[in-house]
Amino acid sequence: MIAANPALGVRLPVIDAHEFEPWTPEQVGAFLDRAAQHRLGALFEIAVLTGPRRAELLAL
């Protein structure tokens, strides 16, 4: 066993937070119209309309 935790001396990087702006319904419609041409268009539609996590989409 070690006497001290070596992780206590680590300085974490500062990360700038970005403000999140969701798409407008018009932007979603334009994206889905364009995505329909892609081979994964159905997956994009599921992603936009249901909001699953990335791993859940990959499982599909």
N, C-alpha and C. Protein backbone atom coordinates (compact mmCIF):
# COMPACT_ATOMS: atom_id res chain seq x y z
N MET A 1 0.85 -1.17 0.00
CA MET A 1 0.00 0.00 0.00
C MET A 1 0.90 1.24 0.00
N ILE A 2 0.44 2.27 -0.63
CA ILE A 2 1.21 3.51 -0.66
C ILE A 2 0.65 4.47 0.39
N ALA A 3 1.49 5.36 0.85
CA ALA A 3 1.14 6.25 1.96
C ALA A 3 0.25 7.41 1.53
N ALA A 4 0.40 7.86 0.28
CA ALA A 4 -0.36 9.03 -0.16
C ALA A 4 -0.98 8.75 -1.53
N ASN A 5 -2.07 9.41 -1.82
CA ASN A 5 -2.75 9.27 -3.09
C ASN A 5 -2.03 10.15 -4.13
N PRO A 6 -1.38 9.57 -5.16
CA PRO A 6 -0.66 10.37 -6.14
C PRO A 6 -1.58 11.22 -7.00
N ALA A 7 -2.85 10.89 -7.06
CA ALA A 7 -3.79 11.66 -7.89
C ALA A 7 -4.13 13.01 -7.27
N LEU A 8 -3.83 13.18 -6.00
CA LEU A 8 -4.14 14.46 -5.34
C LEU A 8 -3.31 15.61 -5.89
N GLY A 9 -2.15 15.33 -6.46
CA GLY A 9 -1.29 16.38 -6.99
C GLY A 9 -1.56 16.73 -8.44
N VAL A 10 -2.53 16.09 -9.05
CA VAL A 10 -2.83 16.33 -10.47
C VAL A 10 -3.70 17.57 -10.62
N ARG A 11 -3.32 18.45 -11.53
CA ARG A 11 -4.15 19.62 -11.85
C ARG A 11 -5.01 19.29 -13.06
N LEU A 12 -6.30 19.43 -12.91
CA LEU A 12 -7.22 19.13 -14.00
C LEU A 12 -7.26 20.28 -14.99
N PRO A 13 -7.45 19.98 -16.28
CA PRO A 13 -7.52 21.04 -17.28
C PRO A 13 -8.83 21.82 -17.14
N VAL A 14 -8.76 23.09 -17.51
CA VAL A 14 -9.96 23.94 -17.49
C VAL A 14 -10.66 23.78 -18.84
N ILE A 15 -11.93 23.47 -18.78
CA ILE A 15 -12.70 23.26 -20.01
C ILE A 15 -13.76 24.36 -20.11
N ASP A 16 -13.75 25.06 -21.23
CA ASP A 16 -14.76 26.10 -21.45
C ASP A 16 -16.09 25.46 -21.80
N ALA A 17 -17.12 25.85 -21.08
CA ALA A 17 -18.46 25.31 -21.34
C ALA A 17 -19.07 26.04 -22.53
N HIS A 18 -19.70 25.26 -23.40
CA HIS A 18 -20.38 25.83 -24.56
C HIS A 18 -21.88 25.86 -24.27
N GLU A 19 -22.51 26.94 -24.66
CA GLU A 19 -23.94 27.02 -24.46
C GLU A 19 -24.63 26.22 -25.56
N PHE A 20 -25.60 25.43 -25.18
CA PHE A 20 -26.28 24.54 -26.09
C PHE A 20 -27.49 25.24 -26.70
N GLU A 21 -27.59 25.20 -28.03
CA GLU A 21 -28.75 25.74 -28.73
C GLU A 21 -29.39 24.63 -29.54
N PRO A 22 -30.58 24.16 -29.14
CA PRO A 22 -31.23 23.10 -29.91
C PRO A 22 -31.66 23.62 -31.28
N TRP A 23 -31.81 22.69 -32.22
CA TRP A 23 -32.26 23.06 -33.56
C TRP A 23 -33.71 23.51 -33.53
N THR A 24 -34.04 24.40 -34.44
CA THR A 24 -35.43 24.79 -34.61
C THR A 24 -36.13 23.70 -35.42
N PRO A 25 -37.46 23.65 -35.39
CA PRO A 25 -38.17 22.66 -36.20
C PRO A 25 -37.82 22.76 -37.70
N GLU A 26 -37.57 23.97 -38.18
CA GLU A 26 -37.19 24.14 -39.59
C GLU A 26 -35.83 23.51 -39.87
N GLN A 27 -34.90 23.67 -38.94
CA GLN A 27 -33.57 23.08 -39.11
C GLN A 27 -33.64 21.56 -39.06
N VAL A 28 -34.48 21.02 -38.18
CA VAL A 28 -34.64 19.57 -38.10
C VAL A 28 -35.22 19.04 -39.41
N GLY A 29 -36.23 19.74 -39.93
CA GLY A 29 -36.83 19.32 -41.20
C GLY A 29 -35.84 19.34 -42.34
N ALA A 30 -35.02 20.39 -42.42
CA ALA A 30 -34.01 20.48 -43.47
C ALA A 30 -32.98 19.36 -43.33
N PHE A 31 -32.57 19.08 -42.10
CA PHE A 31 -31.61 18.00 -41.87
C PHE A 31 -32.18 16.66 -42.29
N LEU A 32 -33.42 16.37 -41.89
CA LEU A 32 -34.02 15.08 -42.23
C LEU A 32 -34.26 14.94 -43.73
N ASP A 33 -34.60 16.04 -44.39
CA ASP A 33 -34.75 16.00 -45.85
C ASP A 33 -33.43 15.62 -46.52
N ARG A 34 -32.36 16.23 -46.05
CA ARG A 34 -31.03 15.94 -46.61
C ARG A 34 -30.55 14.54 -46.20
N ALA A 35 -30.82 14.15 -44.96
CA ALA A 35 -30.37 12.86 -44.45
C ALA A 35 -31.09 11.70 -45.13
N ALA A 36 -32.27 11.94 -45.69
CA ALA A 36 -33.02 10.88 -46.35
C ALA A 36 -32.24 10.32 -47.54
N GLN A 37 -31.32 11.09 -48.09
CA GLN A 37 -30.50 10.66 -49.23
C GLN A 37 -29.35 9.75 -48.77
N HIS A 38 -29.03 9.77 -47.49
CA HIS A 38 -27.91 9.01 -46.95
C HIS A 38 -28.33 7.58 -46.66
N ARG A 39 -27.38 6.65 -46.71
CA ARG A 39 -27.71 5.25 -46.45
C ARG A 39 -28.14 5.01 -45.01
N LEU A 40 -27.76 5.89 -44.10
CA LEU A 40 -28.17 5.79 -42.70
C LEU A 40 -29.29 6.78 -42.36
N GLY A 41 -30.03 7.19 -43.37
CA GLY A 41 -31.09 8.17 -43.17
C GLY A 41 -32.12 7.76 -42.14
N ALA A 42 -32.51 6.50 -42.14
CA ALA A 42 -33.49 6.02 -41.16
C ALA A 42 -32.93 6.11 -39.74
N LEU A 43 -31.65 5.84 -39.57
CA LEU A 43 -31.02 5.94 -38.25
C LEU A 43 -31.00 7.39 -37.78
N PHE A 44 -30.70 8.32 -38.69
CA PHE A 44 -30.71 9.74 -38.34
C PHE A 44 -32.11 10.18 -37.92
N GLU A 45 -33.11 9.69 -38.61
CA GLU A 45 -34.49 10.04 -38.27
C GLU A 45 -34.86 9.53 -36.88
N ILE A 46 -34.49 8.29 -36.59
CA ILE A 46 -34.74 7.74 -35.25
C ILE A 46 -34.01 8.58 -34.20
N ALA A 47 -32.77 8.96 -34.49
CA ALA A 47 -31.97 9.73 -33.53
C ALA A 47 -32.62 11.08 -33.23
N VAL A 48 -33.09 11.75 -34.26
CA VAL A 48 -33.67 13.08 -34.07
C VAL A 48 -35.03 13.01 -33.39
N LEU A 49 -35.83 12.03 -33.75
CA LEU A 49 -37.20 11.99 -33.26
C LEU A 49 -37.35 11.34 -31.88
N THR A 50 -36.41 10.47 -31.49
CA THR A 50 -36.56 9.78 -30.21
C THR A 50 -35.52 10.17 -29.18
N GLY A 51 -34.36 10.66 -29.60
CA GLY A 51 -33.34 11.12 -28.67
C GLY A 51 -32.60 10.06 -27.90
N PRO A 52 -32.26 8.91 -28.51
CA PRO A 52 -31.51 7.91 -27.75
C PRO A 52 -30.06 8.32 -27.56
N ARG A 53 -29.39 7.61 -26.66
CA ARG A 53 -27.96 7.84 -26.46
C ARG A 53 -27.18 7.21 -27.62
N ARG A 54 -25.93 7.61 -27.78
CA ARG A 54 -25.11 7.12 -28.88
C ARG A 54 -25.00 5.60 -28.89
N ALA A 55 -24.78 5.00 -27.73
CA ALA A 55 -24.64 3.54 -27.65
C ALA A 55 -25.93 2.85 -28.06
N GLU A 56 -27.07 3.44 -27.73
CA GLU A 56 -28.35 2.84 -28.13
C GLU A 56 -28.52 2.88 -29.64
N LEU A 57 -28.09 3.97 -30.27
CA LEU A 57 -28.16 4.05 -31.73
C LEU A 57 -27.23 3.03 -32.37
N LEU A 58 -26.03 2.89 -31.81
CA LEU A 58 -25.08 1.93 -32.37
C LEU A 58 -25.58 0.51 -32.23
N ALA A 59 -26.36 0.24 -31.19
CA ALA A 59 -26.91 -1.10 -31.00
C ALA A 59 -27.93 -1.44 -32.09
N LEU A 60 -28.58 -0.41 -32.62
CA LEU A 60 -29.56 -0.66 -33.68
C LEU A 60 -28.86 -1.07 -34.96
